[in-house]
Amino acid sequence: MPATSPISRYLALLAVAWMIVMTGRLYPQFKDAVRVDGHVTTVDDFIARSCGERIGLDAVKCLAAARIDAQRLLRREQRDSILLIIAPIFGYLALAVPAAYGPWRRGTAES
């Protein structure tokens, strides 16, 4: 296995620190926060705002549709949060693996 450079170790440490900080920042809102029109709101607030003052059968249909929309938005927000948290590791691996195992690191000179 090739030796790692100090820069590579610092980048890996920075990526891990990023993951820890972003996990701490995003975890509290992870289970029930959705982004609507650029604003973060909870699923319950989204459903209440979507259906507002409706009553009767219209309210039941609206609540069912709003719950489906809220779940879709929640899954999208969770996916984006996870990608934001782990993106530095993917970037590090995309740069470090080819640099460590690329043809320029083989050390054999052709004669």
PDB file of N, CA and C in Angstrom:
ATOM      1  N   MET A   1       0.849  -1.172   0.000  1.00  0.00           N
ATOM      2  CA  MET A   1       0.000   0.000   0.000  1.00  0.00           C
ATOM      3  C   MET A   1       0.895   1.236   0.000  1.00  0.00           C
ATOM      4  N   PRO A   2       0.593   2.222  -0.830  1.00  0.00           N
ATOM      5  CA  PRO A   2       1.447   3.386  -0.918  1.00  0.00           C
ATOM      6  C   PRO A   2       1.337   4.269   0.316  1.00  0.00           C
ATOM      7  N   ALA A   3       2.439   4.976   0.590  1.00  0.00           N
ATOM      8  CA  ALA A   3       2.449   5.894   1.726  1.00  0.00           C
ATOM      9  C   ALA A   3       1.585   7.107   1.395  1.00  0.00           C
ATOM     10  N   THR A   4       0.922   7.650   2.413  1.00  0.00           N
ATOM     11  CA  THR A   4       0.074   8.816   2.187  1.00  0.00           C
ATOM     12  C   THR A   4       0.862  10.079   2.509  1.00  0.00           C
ATOM     13  N   SER A   5       0.561  11.126   1.794  1.00  0.00           N
ATOM     14  CA  SER A   5       1.235  12.395   2.031  1.00  0.00           C
ATOM     15  C   SER A   5       0.546  13.127   3.174  1.00  0.00           C
ATOM     16  N   PRO A   6       1.242  14.096   3.769  1.00  0.00           N
ATOM     17  CA  PRO A   6       0.599  14.870   4.840  1.00  0.00           C
ATOM     18  C   PRO A   6      -0.628  15.631   4.346  1.00  0.00           C
ATOM     19  N   ILE A   7      -0.595  16.090   3.105  1.00  0.00           N
ATOM     20  CA  ILE A   7      -1.758  16.805   2.563  1.00  0.00           C
ATOM     21  C   ILE A   7      -2.952  15.872   2.481  1.00  0.00           C
ATOM     22  N   SER A   8      -2.714  14.641   2.073  1.00  0.00           N
ATOM     23  CA  SER A   8      -3.790  13.661   1.982  1.00  0.00           C
ATOM     24  C   SER A   8      -4.401  13.404   3.359  1.00  0.00           C
ATOM     25  N   ARG A   9      -3.569  13.312   4.358  1.00  0.00           N
ATOM     26  CA  ARG A   9      -4.089  13.096   5.717  1.00  0.00           C
ATOM     27  C   ARG A   9      -4.888  14.296   6.202  1.00  0.00           C
ATOM     28  N   TYR A  10      -4.409  15.512   5.890  1.00  0.00           N
ATOM     29  CA  TYR A  10      -5.141  16.710   6.297  1.00  0.00           C
ATOM     30  C   TYR A  10      -6.489  16.811   5.585  1.00  0.00           C
ATOM     31  N   LEU A  11      -6.523  16.451   4.321  1.00  0.00           N
ATOM     32  CA  LEU A  11      -7.791  16.473   3.589  1.00  0.00           C
ATOM     33  C   LEU A  11      -8.775  15.440   4.149  1.00  0.00           C
ATOM     34  N   ALA A  12      -8.256  14.275   4.499  1.00  0.00           N
ATOM     35  CA  ALA A  12      -9.118  13.256   5.106  1.00  0.00           C
ATOM     36  C   ALA A  12      -9.638  13.735   6.460  1.00  0.00           C
ATOM     37  N   LEU A  13      -8.786  14.366   7.246  1.00  0.00           N
ATOM     38  CA  LEU A  13      -9.206  14.901   8.540  1.00  0.00           C
ATOM     39  C   LEU A  13     -10.245  16.007   8.357  1.00  0.00           C
ATOM     40  N   LEU A  14     -10.043  16.863   7.357  1.00  0.00           N
ATOM     41  CA  LEU A  14     -11.012  17.913   7.072  1.00  0.00           C
ATOM     42  C   LEU A  14     -12.354  17.316   6.651  1.00  0.00           C
ATOM     43  N   ALA A  15     -12.330  16.264   5.834  1.00  0.00           N
ATOM     44  CA  ALA A  15     -13.572  15.622   5.404  1.00  0.00           C
ATOM     45  C   ALA A  15     -14.309  15.004   6.592  1.00  0.00           C
ATOM     46  N   VAL A  16     -13.588  14.368   7.490  1.00  0.00           N
ATOM     47  CA  VAL A  16     -14.213  13.771   8.671  1.00  0.00           C
ATOM     48  C   VAL A  16     -14.776  14.866   9.586  1.00  0.00           C
ATOM     49  N   ALA A  17     -14.022  15.948   9.760  1.00  0.00           N
ATOM     50  CA  ALA A  17     -14.517  17.062  10.585  1.00  0.00           C
ATOM     51  C   ALA A  17     -15.785  17.655   9.970  1.00  0.00           C
ATOM     52  N   TRP A  18     -15.808  17.812   8.647  1.00  0.00           N
ATOM     53  CA  TRP A  18     -17.000  18.309   7.950  1.00  0.00           C
ATOM     54  C   TRP A  18     -18.192  17.404   8.242  1.00  0.00           C
ATOM     55  N   MET A  19     -17.987  16.099   8.160  1.00  0.00           N
ATOM     56  CA  MET A  19     -19.080  15.157   8.397  1.00  0.00           C
ATOM     57  C   MET A  19     -19.608  15.270   9.817  1.00  0.00           C
ATOM     58  N   ILE A  20     -18.723  15.409  10.777  1.00  0.00           N
ATOM     59  CA  ILE A  20     -19.147  15.516  12.177  1.00  0.00           C
ATOM     60  C   ILE A  20     -19.935  16.799  12.400  1.00  0.00           C
ATOM     61  N   VAL A  21     -19.429  17.924  11.901  1.00  0.00           N
ATOM     62  CA  VAL A  21     -20.099  19.208  12.104  1.00  0.00           C
ATOM     63  C   VAL A  21     -21.453  19.246  11.395  1.00  0.00           C
ATOM     64  N   MET A  22     -21.497  18.793  10.153  1.00  0.00           N
ATOM     65  CA  MET A  22     -22.751  18.834   9.413  1.00  0.00           C
ATOM     66  C   MET A  22     -23.773  17.847   9.976  1.00  0.00           C
ATOM     67  N   THR A  23     -23.317  16.715  10.471  1.00  0.00           N
ATOM     68  CA  THR A  23     -24.244  15.779  11.108  1.00  0.00           C
ATOM     69  C   THR A  23     -24.853  16.421  12.348  1.00  0.00           C
ATOM     70  N   GLY A  24     -24.040  17.063  13.145  1.00  0.00           N
ATOM     71  CA  GLY A  24     -24.555  17.747  14.333  1.00  0.00           C
ATOM     72  C   GLY A  24     -25.507  18.875  14.000  1.00  0.00           C
ATOM     73  N   ARG A  25     -25.254  19.555  12.880  1.00  0.00           N
ATOM     74  CA  ARG A  25     -26.099  20.677  12.490  1.00  0.00           C
ATOM     75  C   ARG A  25     -27.418  20.203  11.878  1.00  0.00           C
ATOM     76  N   LEU A  26     -27.393  19.152  11.087  1.00  0.00           N
ATOM     77  CA  LEU A  26     -28.585  18.726  10.367  1.00  0.00           C
ATOM     78  C   LEU A  26     -29.409  17.662  11.082  1.00  0.00           C
ATOM     79  N   TYR A  27     -28.819  16.938  12.018  1.00  0.00           N
ATOM     80  CA  TYR A  27     -29.535  15.833  12.672  1.00  0.00           C
ATOM     81  C   TYR A  27     -30.811  16.266  13.402  1.00  0.00           C
ATOM     82  N   PRO A  28     -30.820  17.384  14.131  1.00  0.00           N
ATOM     83  CA  PRO A  28     -32.051  17.738  14.854  1.00  0.00           C
ATOM     84  C   PRO A  28     -33.268  17.932  13.956  1.00  0.00           C
ATOM     85  N   GLN A  29     -33.084  18.359  12.734  1.00  0.00           N
ATOM     86  CA  GLN A  29     -34.229  18.574  11.852  1.00  0.00           C
ATOM     87  C   GLN A  29     -34.397  17.450  10.834  1.00  0.00           C
ATOM     88  N   PHE A  30     -33.635  16.394  10.950  1.00  0.00           N
ATOM     89  CA  PHE A  30     -33.609  15.345   9.927  1.00  0.00           C
ATOM     90  C   PHE A  30     -34.918  14.584   9.814  1.00  0.00           C
ATOM     91  N   LYS A  31     -35.576  14.308  10.926  1.00  0.00           N
ATOM     92  CA  LYS A  31     -36.731  13.407  10.878  1.00  0.00           C
ATOM     93  C   LYS A  31     -38.026  14.061  10.414  1.00  0.00           C
ATOM     94  N   ASP A  32     -38.145  15.399  10.534  1.00  0.00           N
ATOM     95  CA  ASP A  32     -39.439  15.980  10.185  1.00  0.00           C
ATOM     96  C   ASP A  32     -39.367  17.348   9.524  1.00  0.00           C
ATOM     97  N   ALA A  33     -38.249  17.718   8.942  1.00  0.00           N
ATOM     98  CA  ALA A  33     -38.137  19.022   8.288  1.00  0.00           C
ATOM     99  C   ALA A  33     -38.229  18.863   6.771  1.00  0.00           C
ATOM    100  N   VAL A  34     -39.045  19.712   6.161  1.00  0.00           N
ATOM    101  CA  VAL A  34     -39.146  19.754   4.707  1.00  0.00           C
ATOM    102  C   VAL A  34     -38.911  21.185   4.253  1.00  0.00           C
ATOM    103  N   ARG A  35     -38.403  21.320   3.032  1.00  0.00           N
ATOM    104  CA  ARG A  35     -38.145  22.644   2.472  1.00  0.00           C
ATOM    105  C   ARG A  35     -39.233  22.941   1.446  1.00  0.00           C
ATOM    106  N   VAL A  36     -39.963  24.038   1.694  1.00  0.00           N
ATOM    107  CA  VAL A  36     -41.039  24.463   0.798  1.00  0.00           C
ATOM    108  C   VAL A  36     -40.785  25.920   0.434  1.00  0.00           C
ATOM    109  N   ASP A  37     -40.618  26.173  -0.846  1.00  0.00           N
ATOM    110  CA  ASP A  37     -40.356  27.525  -1.342  1.00  0.00           C
ATOM    111  C   ASP A  37     -39.158  28.171  -0.648  1.00  0.00           C
ATOM    112  N   GLY A  38     -38.140  27.383  -0.368  1.00  0.00           N
ATOM    113  CA  GLY A  38     -36.927  27.902   0.250  1.00  0.00           C
ATOM    114  C   GLY A  38     -36.974  28.027   1.754  1.00  0.00           C
ATOM    115  N   HIS A  39     -38.095  27.717   2.359  1.00  0.00           N
ATOM    116  CA  HIS A  39     -38.240  27.798   3.814  1.00  0.00           C
ATOM    117  C   HIS A  39     -38.339  26.397   4.402  1.00  0.00           C
ATOM    118  N   VAL A  40     -37.669  26.186   5.526  1.00  0.00           N
ATOM    119  CA  VAL A  40     -37.727  24.893   6.204  1.00  0.00           C
ATOM    120  C   VAL A  40     -38.887  24.917   7.181  1.00  0.00           C
ATOM    121  N   THR A  41     -39.721  23.897   7.096  1.00  0.00           N
ATOM    122  CA  THR A  41     -40.876  23.772   7.977  1.00  0.00           C
ATOM    123  C   THR A  41     -41.034  22.306   8.369  1.00  0.00           C
ATOM    124  N   THR A  42     -41.843  22.053   9.372  1.00  0.00           N
ATOM    125  CA  THR A  42     -42.069  20.666   9.778  1.00  0.00           C
ATOM    126  C   THR A  42     -43.154  20.046   8.905  1.00  0.00           C
ATOM    127  N   VAL A  43     -43.216  18.738   8.922  1.00  0.00           N
ATOM    128  CA  VAL A  43     -44.227  18.015   8.144  1.00  0.00           C
ATOM    129  C   VAL A  43     -45.625  18.402   8.615  1.00  0.00           C
ATOM    130  N   ASP A  44     -45.825  18.470   9.924  1.00  0.00           N
ATOM    131  CA  ASP A  44     -47.153  18.814  10.454  1.00  0.00           C
ATOM    132  C   ASP A  44     -47.588  20.213  10.030  1.00  0.00           C
ATOM    133  N   ASP A  45     -46.654  21.179  10.063  1.00  0.00           N
ATOM    134  CA  ASP A  45     -46.982  22.534   9.623  1.00  0.00           C
ATOM    135  C   ASP A  45     -47.285  22.574   8.127  1.00  0.00           C
ATOM    136  N   PHE A  46     -46.551  21.792   7.352  1.00  0.00           N
ATOM    137  CA  PHE A  46     -46.804  21.721   5.912  1.00  0.00           C
ATOM    138  C   PHE A  46     -48.208  21.199   5.632  1.00  0.00           C
ATOM    139  N   ILE A  47     -48.601  20.143   6.327  1.00  0.00           N
ATOM    140  CA  ILE A  47     -49.936  19.561   6.130  1.00  0.00           C
ATOM    141  C   ILE A  47     -51.020  20.542   6.572  1.00  0.00           C
ATOM    142  N   ALA A  48     -50.815  21.194   7.717  1.00  0.00           N
ATOM    143  CA  ALA A  48     -51.805  22.150   8.209  1.00  0.00           C
ATOM    144  C   ALA A  48     -51.947  23.338   7.262  1.00  0.00           C
ATOM    145  N   ARG A  49     -50.825  23.812   6.742  1.00  0.00           N
ATOM    146  CA  ARG A  49     -50.881  24.961   5.830  1.00  0.00           C
ATOM    147  C   ARG A  49     -51.479  24.560   4.477  1.00  0.00           C
ATOM    148  N   SER A  50     -51.244  23.337   4.051  1.00  0.00           N
ATOM    149  CA  SER A  50     -51.778  22.893   2.761  1.00  0.00           C
ATOM    150  C   SER A  50     -53.292  22.772   2.780  1.00  0.00           C
ATOM    151  N   CYS A  51     -53.841  22.302   3.888  1.00  0.00           N
ATOM    152  CA  CYS A  51     -55.280  22.039   3.933  1.00  0.00           C
ATOM    153  C   CYS A  51     -56.071  23.147   4.617  1.00  0.00           C
ATOM    154  N   GLY A  52     -55.426  23.936   5.419  1.00  0.00           N
ATOM    155  CA  GLY A  52     -56.035  25.125   5.996  1.00  0.00           C
ATOM    156  C   GLY A  52     -57.405  24.926   6.612  1.00  0.00           C
ATOM    157  N   GLU A  53     -58.388  25.596   6.049  1.00  0.00           N
ATOM    158  CA  GLU A  53     -59.729  25.677   6.620  1.00  0.00           C
ATOM    159  C   GLU A  53     -60.726  24.693   6.007  1.00  0.00           C
ATOM    160  N   ARG A  54     -60.285  23.699   5.315  1.00  0.00           N
ATOM    161  CA  ARG A  54     -61.211  22.764   4.657  1.00  0.00           C
ATOM    162  C   ARG A  54     -61.898  21.874   5.680  1.00  0.00           C
ATOM    163  N   ILE A  55     -63.128  21.485   5.351  1.00  0.00           N
ATOM    164  CA  ILE A  55     -63.903  20.628   6.259  1.00  0.00           C
ATOM    165  C   ILE A  55     -64.551  19.507   5.462  1.00  0.00           C
ATOM    166  N   GLY A  56     -64.952  18.474   6.176  1.00  0.00           N
ATOM    167  CA  GLY A  56     -65.688  17.381   5.565  1.00  0.00           C
ATOM    168  C   GLY A  56     -64.835  16.487   4.688  1.00  0.00           C
ATOM    169  N   LEU A  57     -65.464  15.961   3.647  1.00  0.00           N
ATOM    170  CA  LEU A  57     -64.809  15.033   2.740  1.00  0.00           C
ATOM    171  C   LEU A  57     -63.650  15.688   1.997  1.00  0.00           C
ATOM    172  N   ASP A  58     -63.785  16.967   1.705  1.00  0.00           N
ATOM    173  CA  ASP A  58     -62.718  17.706   1.030  1.00  0.00           C
ATOM    174  C   ASP A  58     -61.463  17.760   1.912  1.00  0.00           C
ATOM    175  N   ALA A  59     -61.657  17.893   3.209  1.00  0.00           N
ATOM    176  CA  ALA A  59     -60.519  17.929   4.139  1.00  0.00           C
ATOM    177  C   ALA A  59     -59.816  16.578   4.206  1.00  0.00           C
ATOM    178  N   VAL A  60     -60.582  15.487   4.171  1.00  0.00           N
ATOM    179  CA  VAL A  60     -60.001  14.143   4.219  1.00  0.00           C
ATOM    180  C   VAL A  60     -59.133  13.906   2.988  1.00  0.00           C
ATOM    181  N   LYS A  61     -59.655  14.273   1.818  1.00  0.00           N
ATOM    182  CA  LYS A  61     -58.882  14.117   0.580  1.00  0.00           C
ATOM    183  C   LYS A  61     -57.628  14.988   0.598  1.00  0.00           C
ATOM    184  N   CYS A  62     -57.795  16.202   1.066  1.00  0.00           N
ATOM    185  CA  CYS A  62     -56.658  17.120   1.130  1.00  0.00           C
ATOM    186  C   CYS A  62     -55.584  16.607   2.079  1.00  0.00           C
ATOM    187  N   LEU A  63     -55.978  16.113   3.237  1.00  0.00           N
ATOM    188  CA  LEU A  63     -55.008  15.588   4.204  1.00  0.00           C
ATOM    189  C   LEU A  63     -54.260  14.390   3.648  1.00  0.00           C
ATOM    190  N   ALA A  64     -54.965  13.506   2.947  1.00  0.00           N
ATOM    191  CA  ALA A  64     -54.307  12.342   2.349  1.00  0.00           C
ATOM    192  C   ALA A  64     -53.292  12.782   1.300  1.00  0.00           C
ATOM    193  N   ALA A  65     -53.672  13.708   0.442  1.00  0.00           N
ATOM    194  CA  ALA A  65     -52.755  14.202  -0.594  1.00  0.00           C
ATOM    195  C   ALA A  65     -51.581  14.959   0.021  1.00  0.00           C
ATOM    196  N   ALA A  66     -51.856  15.745   1.060  1.00  0.00           N
ATOM    197  CA  ALA A  66     -50.790  16.514   1.711  1.00  0.00           C
ATOM    198  C   ALA A  66     -49.804  15.589   2.416  1.00  0.00           C
ATOM    199  N   ARG A  67     -50.293  14.502   3.010  1.00  0.00           N
ATOM    200  CA  ARG A  67     -49.378  13.546   3.652  1.00  0.00           C
ATOM    201  C   ARG A  67     -48.455  12.888   2.623  1.00  0.00           C
ATOM    202  N   ILE A  68     -49.000  12.541   1.468  1.00  0.00           N
ATOM    203  CA  ILE A  68     -48.179  11.944   0.407  1.00  0.00           C
ATOM    204  C   ILE A  68     -47.127  12.948  -0.073  1.00  0.00           C
ATOM    205  N   ASP A  69     -47.550  14.182  -0.291  1.00  0.00           N
ATOM    206  CA  ASP A  69     -46.595  15.218  -0.714  1.00  0.00           C
ATOM    207  C   ASP A  69     -45.533  15.464   0.355  1.00  0.00           C
ATOM    208  N   ALA A  70     -45.959  15.478   1.614  1.00  0.00           N
ATOM    209  CA  ALA A  70     -45.018  15.713   2.705  1.00  0.00           C
ATOM    210  C   ALA A  70     -43.983  14.596   2.796  1.00  0.00           C
ATOM    211  N   GLN A  71     -44.403  13.362   2.625  1.00  0.00           N
ATOM    212  CA  GLN A  71     -43.458  12.249   2.657  1.00  0.00           C
ATOM    213  C   GLN A  71     -42.468  12.315   1.497  1.00  0.00           C
ATOM    214  N   ARG A  72     -42.963  12.700   0.326  1.00  0.00           N
ATOM    215  CA  ARG A  72     -42.081  12.859  -0.833  1.00  0.00           C
ATOM    216  C   ARG A  72     -41.052  13.964  -0.585  1.00  0.00           C
ATOM    217  N   LEU A  73     -41.513  15.097  -0.061  1.00  0.00           N
ATOM    218  CA  LEU A  73     -40.603  16.203   0.245  1.00  0.00           C
ATOM    219  C   LEU A  73     -39.622  15.832   1.353  1.00  0.00           C
ATOM    220  N   LEU A  74     -40.097  15.076   2.340  1.00  0.00           N
ATOM    221  CA  LEU A  74     -39.228  14.656   3.440  1.00  0.00           C
ATOM    222  C   LEU A  74     -38.127  13.731   2.941  1.00  0.00           C
ATOM    223  N   ARG A  75     -38.475  12.772   2.089  1.00  0.00           N
ATOM    224  CA  ARG A  75     -37.448  11.876   1.535  1.00  0.00           C
ATOM    225  C   ARG A  75     -36.426  12.652   0.715  1.00  0.00           C
ATOM    226  N   ARG A  76     -36.888  13.639  -0.054  1.00  0.00           N
ATOM    227  CA  ARG A  76     -35.968  14.450  -0.851  1.00  0.00           C
ATOM    228  C   ARG A  76     -35.033  15.264   0.050  1.00  0.00           C
ATOM    229  N   GLU A  77     -35.574  15.844   1.095  1.00  0.00           N
ATOM    230  CA  GLU A  77     -34.761  16.642   2.013  1.00  0.00           C
ATOM    231  C   GLU A  77     -33.748  15.764   2.747  1.00  0.00           C
ATOM    232  N   GLN A  78     -34.158  14.566   3.147  1.00  0.00           N
ATOM    233  CA  GLN A  78     -33.229  13.651   3.814  1.00  0.00           C
ATOM    234  C   GLN A  78     -32.128  13.204   2.866  1.00  0.00           C
ATOM    235  N   ARG A  79     -32.480  12.911   1.607  1.00  0.00           N
ATOM    236  CA  ARG A  79     -31.474  12.530   0.617  1.00  0.00           C
ATOM    237  C   ARG A  79     -30.461  13.650   0.414  1.00  0.00           C
ATOM    238  N   ASP A  80     -30.943  14.882   0.289  1.00  0.00           N
ATOM    239  CA  ASP A  80     -30.041  16.011   0.093  1.00  0.00           C
ATOM    240  C   ASP A  80     -29.150  16.231   1.313  1.00  0.00           C
ATOM    241  N   SER A  81     -29.698  16.035   2.504  1.00  0.00           N
ATOM    242  CA  SER A  81     -28.899  16.200   3.721  1.00  0.00           C
ATOM    243  C   SER A  81     -27.786  15.161   3.810  1.00  0.00           C
ATOM    244  N   ILE A  82     -28.117  13.925   3.479  1.00  0.00           N
ATOM    245  CA  ILE A  82     -27.102  12.865   3.516  1.00  0.00           C
ATOM    246  C   ILE A  82     -26.015  13.132   2.487  1.00  0.00           C
ATOM    247  N   LEU A  83     -26.389  13.563   1.293  1.00  0.00           N
ATOM    248  CA  LEU A  83     -25.390  13.879   0.274  1.00  0.00           C
ATOM    249  C   LEU A  83     -24.502  15.040   0.712  1.00  0.00           C
ATOM    250  N   LEU A  84     -25.086  16.030   1.371  1.00  0.00           N
ATOM    251  CA  LEU A  84     -24.300  17.156   1.866  1.00  0.00           C
ATOM    252  C   LEU A  84     -23.309  16.718   2.934  1.00  0.00           C
ATOM    253  N   ILE A  85     -23.708  15.763   3.742  1.00  0.00           N
ATOM    254  CA  ILE A  85     -22.831  15.288   4.814  1.00  0.00           C
ATOM    255  C   ILE A  85     -21.685  14.444   4.255  1.00  0.00           C
ATOM    256  N   ILE A  86     -21.955  13.540   3.320  1.00  0.00           N
ATOM    257  CA  ILE A  86     -20.912  12.616   2.869  1.00  0.00           C
ATOM    258  C   ILE A  86     -20.175  13.054   1.611  1.00  0.00           C
ATOM    259  N   ALA A  87     -20.542  14.184   1.026  1.00  0.00           N
ATOM    260  CA  ALA A  87     -19.894  14.647  -0.203  1.00  0.00           C
ATOM    261  C   ALA A  87     -18.371  14.804  -0.075  1.00  0.00           C
ATOM    262  N   PRO A  88     -17.842  15.338   1.025  1.00  0.00           N
ATOM    263  CA  PRO A  88     -16.384  15.480   1.106  1.00  0.00           C
ATOM    264  C   PRO A  88     -15.633  14.152   1.044  1.00  0.00           C
ATOM    265  N   ILE A  89     -16.208  13.098   1.584  1.00  0.00           N
ATOM    266  CA  ILE A  89     -15.532  11.795   1.512  1.00  0.00           C
ATOM    267  C   ILE A  89     -15.488  11.300   0.074  1.00  0.00           C
ATOM    268  N   PHE A  90     -16.595  11.468  -0.668  1.00  0.00           N
ATOM    269  CA  PHE A  90     -16.589  11.076  -2.075  1.00  0.00           C
ATOM    270  C   PHE A  90     -15.573  11.902  -2.861  1.00  0.00           C
ATOM    271  N   GLY A  91     -15.510  13.199  -2.579  1.00  0.00           N
ATOM    272  CA  GLY A  91     -14.526  14.050  -3.250  1.00  0.00           C
ATOM    273  C   GLY A  91     -13.105  13.638  -2.926  1.00  0.00           C
ATOM    274  N   TYR A  92     -12.858  13.342  -1.665  1.00  0.00           N
ATOM    275  CA  TYR A  92     -11.527  12.902  -1.251  1.00  0.00           C
ATOM    276  C   TYR A  92     -11.146  11.598  -1.948  1.00  0.00           C
ATOM    277  N   LEU A  93     -12.067  10.648  -1.962  1.00  0.00           N
ATOM    278  CA  LEU A  93     -11.781   9.368  -2.612  1.00  0.00           C
ATOM    279  C   LEU A  93     -11.588   9.530  -4.122  1.00  0.00           C
ATOM    280  N   ALA A  94     -12.359  10.429  -4.729  1.00  0.00           N
ATOM    281  CA  ALA A  94     -12.213  10.649  -6.170  1.00  0.00           C
ATOM    282  C   ALA A  94     -10.847  11.222  -6.514  1.00  0.00           C
ATOM    283  N   LEU A  95     -10.253  11.961  -5.599  1.00  0.00           N
ATOM    284  CA  LEU A  95      -8.928  12.537  -5.843  1.00  0.00           C
ATOM    285  C   LEU A  95      -7.802  11.652  -5.325  1.00  0.00           C
ATOM    286  N   ALA A  96      -7.998  11.035  -4.175  1.00  0.00           N
ATOM    287  CA  ALA A  96      -6.902  10.313  -3.524  1.00  0.00           C
ATOM    288  C   ALA A  96      -6.635   8.947  -4.148  1.00  0.00           C
ATOM    289  N   VAL A  97      -7.666   8.222  -4.503  1.00  0.00           N
ATOM    290  CA  VAL A  97      -7.459   6.875  -5.041  1.00  0.00           C
ATOM    291  C   VAL A  97      -6.712   6.902  -6.373  1.00  0.00           C
ATOM    292  N   PRO A  98      -7.126   7.723  -7.335  1.00  0.00           N
ATOM    293  CA  PRO A  98      -6.334   7.760  -8.573  1.00  0.00           C
ATOM    294  C   PRO A  98      -4.906   8.260  -8.355  1.00  0.00           C
ATOM    295  N   ALA A  99      -4.721   9.194  -7.429  1.00  0.00           N
ATOM    296  CA  ALA A  99      -3.377   9.708  -7.166  1.00  0.00           C
ATOM    297  C   ALA A  99      -2.497   8.644  -6.519  1.00  0.00           C
ATOM    298  N   ALA A 100      -3.084   7.794  -5.693  1.00  0.00           N
ATOM    299  CA  ALA A 100      -2.301   6.777  -4.992  1.00  0.00           C
ATOM    300  C   ALA A 100      -1.988   5.570  -5.871  1.00  0.00           C
ATOM    301  N   TYR A 101      -2.899   5.241  -6.762  1.00  0.00           N
ATOM    302  CA  TYR A 101      -2.728   4.024  -7.551  1.00  0.00           C
ATOM    303  C   TYR A 101      -2.599   4.274  -9.049  1.00  0.00           C
ATOM    304  N   GLY A 102      -2.433   5.519  -9.430  1.00  0.00           N
ATOM    305  CA  GLY A 102      -2.344   5.846 -10.848  1.00  0.00           C
ATOM    306  C   GLY A 102      -1.040   5.355 -11.465  1.00  0.00           C
ATOM    307  N   PRO A 103      -0.944   5.376 -12.791  1.00  0.00           N
ATOM    308  CA  PRO A 103       0.250   4.868 -13.477  1.00  0.00           C
ATOM    309  C   PRO A 103       1.502   5.686 -13.166  1.00  0.00           C
ATOM    310  N   TRP A 104       1.344   6.934 -12.782  1.00  0.00           N
ATOM    311  CA  TRP A 104       2.509   7.756 -12.478  1.00  0.00           C
ATOM    312  C   TRP A 104       3.119   7.431 -11.130  1.00  0.00           C
ATOM    313  N   ARG A 105       2.493   6.580 -10.327  1.00  0.00           N
ATOM    314  CA  ARG A 105       3.000   6.223  -9.010  1.00  0.00           C
ATOM    315  C   ARG A 105       3.615   4.815  -8.978  1.00  0.00           C
ATOM    316  N   ARG A 106       3.727   4.177 -10.104  1.00  0.00           N
ATOM    317  CA  ARG A 106       4.214   2.794 -10.101  1.00  0.00           C
ATOM    318  C   ARG A 106       5.698   2.721  -9.766  1.00  0.00           C
ATOM    319  N   GLY A 107       6.444   3.756 -10.083  1.00  0.00           N
ATOM    320  CA  GLY A 107       7.846   3.764  -9.705  1.00  0.00           C
ATOM    321  C   GLY A 107       8.748   2.946 -10.599  1.00  0.00           C
ATOM    322  N   THR A 108       8.244   2.398 -11.651  1.00  0.00           N
ATOM    323  CA  THR A 108       9.082   1.612 -12.564  1.00  0.00           C
ATOM    324  C   THR A 108       9.381   2.462 -13.775  1.00  0.00           C
ATOM    325  N   ALA A 109      10.636   2.602 -14.057  1.00  0.00           N
ATOM    326  CA  ALA A 109      11.063   3.370 -15.213  1.00  0.00           C
ATOM    327  C   ALA A 109      11.236   2.425 -16.388  1.00  0.00           C
ATOM    328  N   GLU A 110      10.699   2.807 -17.501  1.00  0.00           N
ATOM    329  CA  GLU A 110      10.838   1.965 -18.681  1.00  0.00           C
ATOM    330  C   GLU A 110      12.203   2.217 -19.311  1.00  0.00           C
ATOM    331  N   SER A 111      12.913   1.173 -19.629  1.00  0.00           N
ATOM    332  CA  SER A 111      14.246   1.319 -20.215  1.00  0.00           C
ATOM    333  C   SER A 111      14.232   0.984 -21.676  1.00  0.00           C
TER     334      SER A 111
END
